[in-house]
PDB file of N, CA and C in Angstrom:
ATOM      1  N   MET A   1      29.225   7.000 -10.956  1.00  0.00           N
ATOM      2  CA  MET A   1      29.334   5.895 -10.135  1.00  0.00           C
ATOM      3  C   MET A   1      28.353   5.197 -10.194  1.00  0.00           C
ATOM      4  N   GLN A   2      28.615   4.419 -10.633  1.00  0.00           N
ATOM      5  CA  GLN A   2      27.458   2.669 -10.462  1.00  0.00           C
ATOM      6  C   GLN A   2      27.945   1.515  -9.725  1.00  0.00           C
ATOM      7  N   SER A   3      26.874   1.763  -9.140  1.00  0.00           N
ATOM      8  CA  SER A   3      27.360   0.739  -7.517  1.00  0.00           C
ATOM      9  C   SER A   3      27.304  -1.307  -8.280  1.00  0.00           C
ATOM     10  N   ALA A   4      27.125  -1.830  -8.098  1.00  0.00           N
ATOM     11  CA  ALA A   4      27.403  -3.342  -8.448  1.00  0.00           C
ATOM     12  C   ALA A   4      25.792  -3.417  -8.423  1.00  0.00           C
ATOM     13  N   PRO A   5      25.867  -4.070  -9.032  1.00  0.00           N
ATOM     14  CA  PRO A   5      23.660  -5.248 -10.053  1.00  0.00           C
ATOM     15  C   PRO A   5      23.232  -6.016  -8.405  1.00  0.00           C
ATOM     16  N   LYS A   6      23.052  -5.137  -7.436  1.00  0.00           N
ATOM     17  CA  LYS A   6      22.310  -6.348  -6.567  1.00  0.00           C
ATOM     18  C   LYS A   6      21.587  -7.938  -7.013  1.00  0.00           C
ATOM     19  N   SER A   7      21.701  -8.834  -6.746  1.00  0.00           N
ATOM     20  CA  SER A   7      21.668 -10.313  -6.415  1.00  0.00           C
ATOM     21  C   SER A   7      19.935 -10.172  -5.605  1.00  0.00           C
ATOM     22  N   ARG A   8      19.136 -10.294  -7.045  1.00  0.00           N
ATOM     23  CA  ARG A   8      17.664 -11.207  -6.692  1.00  0.00           C
ATOM     24  C   ARG A   8      17.437 -12.212  -6.730  1.00  0.00           C
ATOM     25  N   PHE A   9      18.139 -13.331  -6.350  1.00  0.00           N
ATOM     26  CA  PHE A   9      17.890 -14.209  -6.815  1.00  0.00           C
ATOM     27  C   PHE A   9      16.911 -15.446  -5.328  1.00  0.00           C
ATOM     28  N   PRO A  10      18.343 -14.798  -4.118  1.00  0.00           N
ATOM     29  CA  PRO A  10      17.730 -15.408  -2.566  1.00  0.00           C
ATOM     30  C   PRO A  10      15.836 -14.736  -2.202  1.00  0.00           C
ATOM     31  N   LEU A  11      16.071 -13.913  -3.073  1.00  0.00           N
ATOM     32  CA  LEU A  11      13.980 -13.300  -2.650  1.00  0.00           C
ATOM     33  C   LEU A  11      13.740 -14.266  -3.735  1.00  0.00           C
ATOM     34  N   ALA A  12      14.186 -14.789  -5.506  1.00  0.00           N
ATOM     35  CA  ALA A  12      13.295 -15.245  -5.830  1.00  0.00           C
ATOM     36  C   ALA A  12      13.290 -16.650  -5.526  1.00  0.00           C
ATOM     37  N   ILE A  13      13.914 -17.112  -4.413  1.00  0.00           N
ATOM     38  CA  ILE A  13      14.049 -18.580  -3.812  1.00  0.00           C
ATOM     39  C   ILE A  13      12.899 -18.361  -2.483  1.00  0.00           C
ATOM     40  N   VAL A  14      12.648 -17.143  -2.147  1.00  0.00           N
ATOM     41  CA  VAL A  14      11.893 -16.958  -1.703  1.00  0.00           C
ATOM     42  C   VAL A  14       9.966 -16.836  -1.244  1.00  0.00           C
ATOM     43  N   ALA A  15      10.012 -15.708  -2.117  1.00  0.00           N
ATOM     44  CA  ALA A  15       8.683 -15.974  -2.961  1.00  0.00           C
ATOM     45  C   ALA A  15       8.217 -16.353  -3.476  1.00  0.00           C
ATOM     46  N   VAL A  16       8.734 -17.643  -4.830  1.00  0.00           N
ATOM     47  CA  VAL A  16       8.534 -18.120  -5.814  1.00  0.00           C
ATOM     48  C   VAL A  16       7.034 -18.771  -4.935  1.00  0.00           C
ATOM     49  N   PRO A  17       8.203 -20.075  -4.381  1.00  0.00           N
ATOM     50  CA  PRO A  17       7.426 -21.257  -2.827  1.00  0.00           C
ATOM     51  C   PRO A  17       6.166 -20.429  -1.611  1.00  0.00           C
ATOM     52  N   PHE A  18       6.814 -19.619  -2.200  1.00  0.00           N
ATOM     53  CA  PHE A  18       5.805 -18.256  -0.715  1.00  0.00           C
ATOM     54  C   PHE A  18       4.060 -17.628  -1.883  1.00  0.00           C
ATOM     55  N   VAL A  19       4.595 -17.698  -2.742  1.00  0.00           N
ATOM     56  CA  VAL A  19       3.439 -17.490  -3.503  1.00  0.00           C
ATOM     57  C   VAL A  19       1.931 -18.664  -4.095  1.00  0.00           C
ATOM     58  N   VAL A  20       3.126 -19.936  -4.239  1.00  0.00           N
ATOM     59  CA  VAL A  20       2.059 -21.151  -4.278  1.00  0.00           C
ATOM     60  C   VAL A  20       1.844 -21.856  -3.118  1.00  0.00           C
ATOM     61  N   LEU A  21       1.961 -20.909  -1.740  1.00  0.00           N
ATOM     62  CA  LEU A  21       2.089 -22.073  -1.231  1.00  0.00           C
ATOM     63  C   LEU A  21       0.271 -20.811  -0.787  1.00  0.00           C
ATOM     64  N   LEU A  22       0.875 -19.846  -0.528  1.00  0.00           N
ATOM     65  CA  LEU A  22      -0.184 -19.081  -0.412  1.00  0.00           C
ATOM     66  C   LEU A  22      -1.551 -19.102  -1.561  1.00  0.00           C
ATOM     67  N   CYS A  23      -0.655 -19.781  -2.249  1.00  0.00           N
ATOM     68  CA  CYS A  23      -2.313 -19.843  -3.812  1.00  0.00           C
ATOM     69  C   CYS A  23      -2.874 -20.841  -3.691  1.00  0.00           C
ATOM     70  N   GLY A  24      -2.580 -21.696  -2.672  1.00  0.00           N
ATOM     71  CA  GLY A  24      -2.829 -23.266  -2.927  1.00  0.00           C
ATOM     72  C   GLY A  24      -3.263 -22.762  -1.273  1.00  0.00           C
ATOM     73  N   LEU A  25      -2.904 -22.842  -0.508  1.00  0.00           N
ATOM     74  CA  LEU A  25      -3.618 -22.756   1.031  1.00  0.00           C
ATOM     75  C   LEU A  25      -4.354 -21.476   1.170  1.00  0.00           C
ATOM     76  N   LEU A  26      -4.367 -20.573   0.421  1.00  0.00           N
ATOM     77  CA  LEU A  26      -5.997 -19.369   1.047  1.00  0.00           C
ATOM     78  C   LEU A  26      -6.889 -20.046   1.299  1.00  0.00           C
ATOM     79  N   PRO A  27      -7.234 -20.828   0.299  1.00  0.00           N
ATOM     80  CA  PRO A  27      -8.933 -20.983  -1.042  1.00  0.00           C
ATOM     81  C   PRO A  27      -8.897 -22.081   0.342  1.00  0.00           C
ATOM     82  N   ARG A  28      -8.267 -22.815   0.823  1.00  0.00           N
ATOM     83  CA  ARG A  28      -8.836 -23.473   1.647  1.00  0.00           C
ATOM     84  C   ARG A  28      -9.030 -23.653   3.030  1.00  0.00           C
ATOM     85  N   GLY A  29      -7.928 -22.183   3.176  1.00  0.00           N
ATOM     86  CA  GLY A  29      -8.194 -21.865   4.884  1.00  0.00           C
ATOM     87  C   GLY A  29      -9.589 -21.245   5.639  1.00  0.00           C
ATOM     88  N   ILE A  30      -9.687 -20.308   3.612  1.00  0.00           N
ATOM     89  CA  ILE A  30     -11.335 -19.283   3.963  1.00  0.00           C
ATOM     90  C   ILE A  30     -11.843 -20.720   4.422  1.00  0.00           C
ATOM     91  N   VAL A  31     -12.460 -21.574   3.094  1.00  0.00           N
ATOM     92  CA  VAL A  31     -13.360 -22.245   3.682  1.00  0.00           C
ATOM     93  C   VAL A  31     -13.613 -23.136   4.798  1.00  0.00           C
ATOM     94  N   ALA A  32     -12.397 -23.664   5.191  1.00  0.00           N
ATOM     95  CA  ALA A  32     -11.908 -24.213   6.070  1.00  0.00           C
ATOM     96  C   ALA A  32     -12.279 -23.643   7.546  1.00  0.00           C
ATOM     97  N   VAL A  33     -13.310 -21.896   7.757  1.00  0.00           N
ATOM     98  CA  VAL A  33     -12.887 -21.533   8.626  1.00  0.00           C
ATOM     99  C   VAL A  33     -14.780 -20.554   8.183  1.00  0.00           C
ATOM    100  N   LEU A  34     -15.178 -19.986   7.124  1.00  0.00           N
ATOM    101  CA  LEU A  34     -15.624 -20.095   7.005  1.00  0.00           C
ATOM    102  C   LEU A  34     -16.960 -20.640   6.107  1.00  0.00           C
ATOM    103  N   GLY A  35     -16.535 -21.524   5.279  1.00  0.00           N
ATOM    104  CA  GLY A  35     -17.804 -23.101   5.119  1.00  0.00           C
ATOM    105  C   GLY A  35     -18.149 -21.749   4.018  1.00  0.00           C
ATOM    106  N   LEU A  36     -18.501 -23.400   3.263  1.00  0.00           N
ATOM    107  CA  LEU A  36     -18.409 -22.842   1.794  1.00  0.00           C
ATOM    108  C   LEU A  36     -19.832 -22.493   0.986  1.00  0.00           C
ATOM    109  N   ASP A  37     -20.892 -22.101   2.629  1.00  0.00           N
ATOM    110  CA  ASP A  37     -22.428 -21.546   2.218  1.00  0.00           C
ATOM    111  C   ASP A  37     -22.306 -20.422   2.838  1.00  0.00           C
ATOM    112  N   ASN A  38     -21.073 -20.333   3.260  1.00  0.00           N
ATOM    113  CA  ASN A  38     -21.437 -18.284   3.290  1.00  0.00           C
ATOM    114  C   ASN A  38     -21.274 -17.257   2.574  1.00  0.00           C
ATOM    115  N   PRO A  39     -21.733 -16.476   2.075  1.00  0.00           N
ATOM    116  CA  PRO A  39     -21.558 -15.814   1.201  1.00  0.00           C
ATOM    117  C   PRO A  39     -20.195 -14.992   0.591  1.00  0.00           C
ATOM    118  N   TRP A  40     -20.024 -14.801   2.148  1.00  0.00           N
ATOM    119  CA  TRP A  40     -18.266 -14.361   2.222  1.00  0.00           C
ATOM    120  C   TRP A  40     -16.473 -14.091   1.853  1.00  0.00           C
ATOM    121  N   THR A  41     -17.203 -16.142   2.121  1.00  0.00           N
ATOM    122  CA  THR A  41     -16.196 -17.421   1.296  1.00  0.00           C
ATOM    123  C   THR A  41     -16.227 -16.731  -0.005  1.00  0.00           C
ATOM    124  N   ALA A  42     -16.158 -16.205  -0.551  1.00  0.00           N
ATOM    125  CA  ALA A  42     -16.294 -15.947  -2.055  1.00  0.00           C
ATOM    126  C   ALA A  42     -15.314 -14.524  -2.537  1.00  0.00           C
ATOM    127  N   TYR A  43     -16.656 -13.637  -1.760  1.00  0.00           N
ATOM    128  CA  TYR A  43     -15.800 -12.362  -1.892  1.00  0.00           C
ATOM    129  C   TYR A  43     -14.249 -12.270  -1.592  1.00  0.00           C
ATOM    130  N   LEU A  44     -13.787 -12.849  -0.030  1.00  0.00           N
ATOM    131  CA  LEU A  44     -12.949 -12.458   0.680  1.00  0.00           C
ATOM    132  C   LEU A  44     -11.266 -13.605  -0.691  1.00  0.00           C
ATOM    133  N   TYR A  45     -12.106 -14.628  -0.488  1.00  0.00           N
ATOM    134  CA  TYR A  45     -11.423 -15.199  -1.985  1.00  0.00           C
ATOM    135  C   TYR A  45     -10.875 -14.634  -2.813  1.00  0.00           C
ATOM    136  N   GLN A  46     -11.866 -13.555  -3.714  1.00  0.00           N
ATOM    137  CA  GLN A  46     -11.709 -12.694  -4.490  1.00  0.00           C
ATOM    138  C   GLN A  46      -9.920 -11.912  -4.219  1.00  0.00           C
ATOM    139  N   TYR A  47     -11.063 -11.235  -3.335  1.00  0.00           N
ATOM    140  CA  TYR A  47     -10.514  -9.625  -2.970  1.00  0.00           C
ATOM    141  C   TYR A  47      -8.196  -9.693  -2.740  1.00  0.00           C
ATOM    142  N   ALA A  48      -8.216 -10.857  -1.243  1.00  0.00           N
ATOM    143  CA  ALA A  48      -7.692 -11.705  -1.411  1.00  0.00           C
ATOM    144  C   ALA A  48      -6.983 -12.536  -2.583  1.00  0.00           C
ATOM    145  N   MET A  49      -7.230 -12.455  -3.265  1.00  0.00           N
ATOM    146  CA  MET A  49      -6.594 -13.326  -5.093  1.00  0.00           C
ATOM    147  C   MET A  49      -5.665 -11.747  -5.762  1.00  0.00           C
ATOM    148  N   GLY A  50      -6.869 -10.590  -6.093  1.00  0.00           N
ATOM    149  CA  GLY A  50      -6.953  -9.475  -6.274  1.00  0.00           C
ATOM    150  C   GLY A  50      -5.557  -8.383  -5.697  1.00  0.00           C
ATOM    151  N   GLY A  51      -5.323  -8.953  -4.420  1.00  0.00           N
ATOM    152  CA  GLY A  51      -4.474  -8.083  -4.036  1.00  0.00           C
ATOM    153  C   GLY A  51      -3.048  -9.035  -4.135  1.00  0.00           C
ATOM    154  N   LEU A  52      -3.079  -9.933  -4.163  1.00  0.00           N
ATOM    155  CA  LEU A  52      -1.747 -11.016  -4.453  1.00  0.00           C
ATOM    156  C   LEU A  52      -1.153 -10.104  -5.362  1.00  0.00           C
ATOM    157  N   VAL A  53      -2.019 -10.351  -6.612  1.00  0.00           N
ATOM    158  CA  VAL A  53      -1.134 -10.395  -7.929  1.00  0.00           C
ATOM    159  C   VAL A  53      -1.183  -8.674  -8.101  1.00  0.00           C
ATOM    160  N   PHE A  54      -2.093  -7.187  -7.466  1.00  0.00           N
ATOM    161  CA  PHE A  54      -1.788  -6.338  -7.379  1.00  0.00           C
ATOM    162  C   PHE A  54      -0.011  -6.093  -6.923  1.00  0.00           C
ATOM    163  N   LEU A  55      -0.183  -6.988  -5.898  1.00  0.00           N
ATOM    164  CA  LEU A  55       1.376  -6.465  -5.463  1.00  0.00           C
ATOM    165  C   LEU A  55       2.106  -7.220  -6.098  1.00  0.00           C
ATOM    166  N   ILE A  56       2.257  -8.598  -6.278  1.00  0.00           N
ATOM    167  CA  ILE A  56       3.228  -8.464  -7.170  1.00  0.00           C
ATOM    168  C   ILE A  56       3.065  -7.488  -8.691  1.00  0.00           C
ATOM    169  N   GLY A  57       2.414  -7.383  -8.787  1.00  0.00           N
ATOM    170  CA  GLY A  57       2.484  -6.466  -9.966  1.00  0.00           C
ATOM    171  C   GLY A  57       3.836  -5.489  -9.816  1.00  0.00           C
ATOM    172  N   LEU A  58       3.086  -4.303  -8.259  1.00  0.00           N
ATOM    173  CA  LEU A  58       3.344  -3.765  -8.408  1.00  0.00           C
ATOM    174  C   LEU A  58       5.535  -3.437  -8.757  1.00  0.00           C
ATOM    175  N   VAL A  59       6.033  -5.125  -7.399  1.00  0.00           N
ATOM    176  CA  VAL A  59       6.987  -5.617  -7.388  1.00  0.00           C
ATOM    177  C   VAL A  59       8.317  -5.246  -8.657  1.00  0.00           C
ATOM    178  N   VAL A  60       7.145  -6.168  -9.453  1.00  0.00           N
ATOM    179  CA  VAL A  60       7.887  -6.236 -10.984  1.00  0.00           C
ATOM    180  C   VAL A  60       7.840  -5.582 -11.952  1.00  0.00           C
ATOM    181  N   ILE A  61       6.562  -3.744 -11.290  1.00  0.00           N
ATOM    182  CA  ILE A  61       7.272  -2.831 -11.778  1.00  0.00           C
ATOM    183  C   ILE A  61       8.257  -2.007 -11.023  1.00  0.00           C
ATOM    184  N   ARG A  62       8.236  -2.120  -9.827  1.00  0.00           N
ATOM    185  CA  ARG A  62       9.505  -0.841  -9.592  1.00  0.00           C
ATOM    186  C   ARG A  62      10.992  -1.955  -9.675  1.00  0.00           C
ATOM    187  N   ARG A  63      10.965  -3.380  -9.962  1.00  0.00           N
ATOM    188  CA  ARG A  63      12.266  -3.954 -10.256  1.00  0.00           C
ATOM    189  C   ARG A  63      12.716  -3.739 -12.010  1.00  0.00           C
ATOM    190  N   THR A  64      11.976  -3.404 -12.323  1.00  0.00           N
ATOM    191  CA  THR A  64      12.627  -2.682 -14.230  1.00  0.00           C
ATOM    192  C   THR A  64      12.797  -2.109 -14.143  1.00  0.00           C
ATOM    193  N   PRO A  65      14.729  -2.245 -14.816  1.00  0.00           N
ATOM    194  CA  PRO A  65      14.840  -1.031 -15.686  1.00  0.00           C
ATOM    195  C   PRO A  65      14.501   0.429 -15.747  1.00  0.00           C
ATOM    196  N   SER A  66      13.640   0.021 -16.062  1.00  0.00           N
ATOM    197  CA  SER A  66      12.484   1.632 -17.077  1.00  0.00           C
ATOM    198  C   SER A  66      11.817   2.267 -16.422  1.00  0.00           C
ATOM    199  N   SER A  67      12.071   1.514 -14.925  1.00  0.00           N
ATOM    200  CA  SER A  67      10.816   2.223 -14.170  1.00  0.00           C
ATOM    201  C   SER A  67      11.652   2.770 -12.870  1.00  0.00           C
ATOM    202  N   SER A  68      13.100   3.375 -13.275  1.00  0.00           N
ATOM    203  CA  SER A  68      13.784   3.985 -12.169  1.00  0.00           C
ATOM    204  C   SER A  68      13.474   5.713 -12.166  1.00  0.00           C
ATOM    205  N   VAL A  69      13.807   6.690 -11.980  1.00  0.00           N
ATOM    206  CA  VAL A  69      12.811   7.687 -12.686  1.00  0.00           C
ATOM    207  C   VAL A  69      14.259   7.943 -11.838  1.00  0.00           C
ATOM    208  N   SER A  70      15.558   8.705 -13.015  1.00  0.00           N
ATOM    209  CA  SER A  70      16.403   9.725 -12.367  1.00  0.00           C
ATOM    210  C   SER A  70      16.334  11.311 -12.067  1.00  0.00           C
ATOM    211  N   THR A  71      16.155  11.669 -11.037  1.00  0.00           N
ATOM    212  CA  THR A  71      16.241  13.293 -11.141  1.00  0.00           C
ATOM    213  C   THR A  71      17.897  14.358 -11.089  1.00  0.00           C
TER     214      THR A  71
END
């Protein structure tokens, strides 16, 4: 017996603005705290954005029907 499909619409309403705000505010926050001359600024920015893209990729992979493994 199959269950009814779950609605993912509310997740999209919350997730999309969050990602947009994070991508817009994270670089400004890092620069405001560390300054442009600090070598850690670029390092933290690159790894933070890479981590964000990695997590979004994991969510997409987990939510696609092809990734479900039936036992």
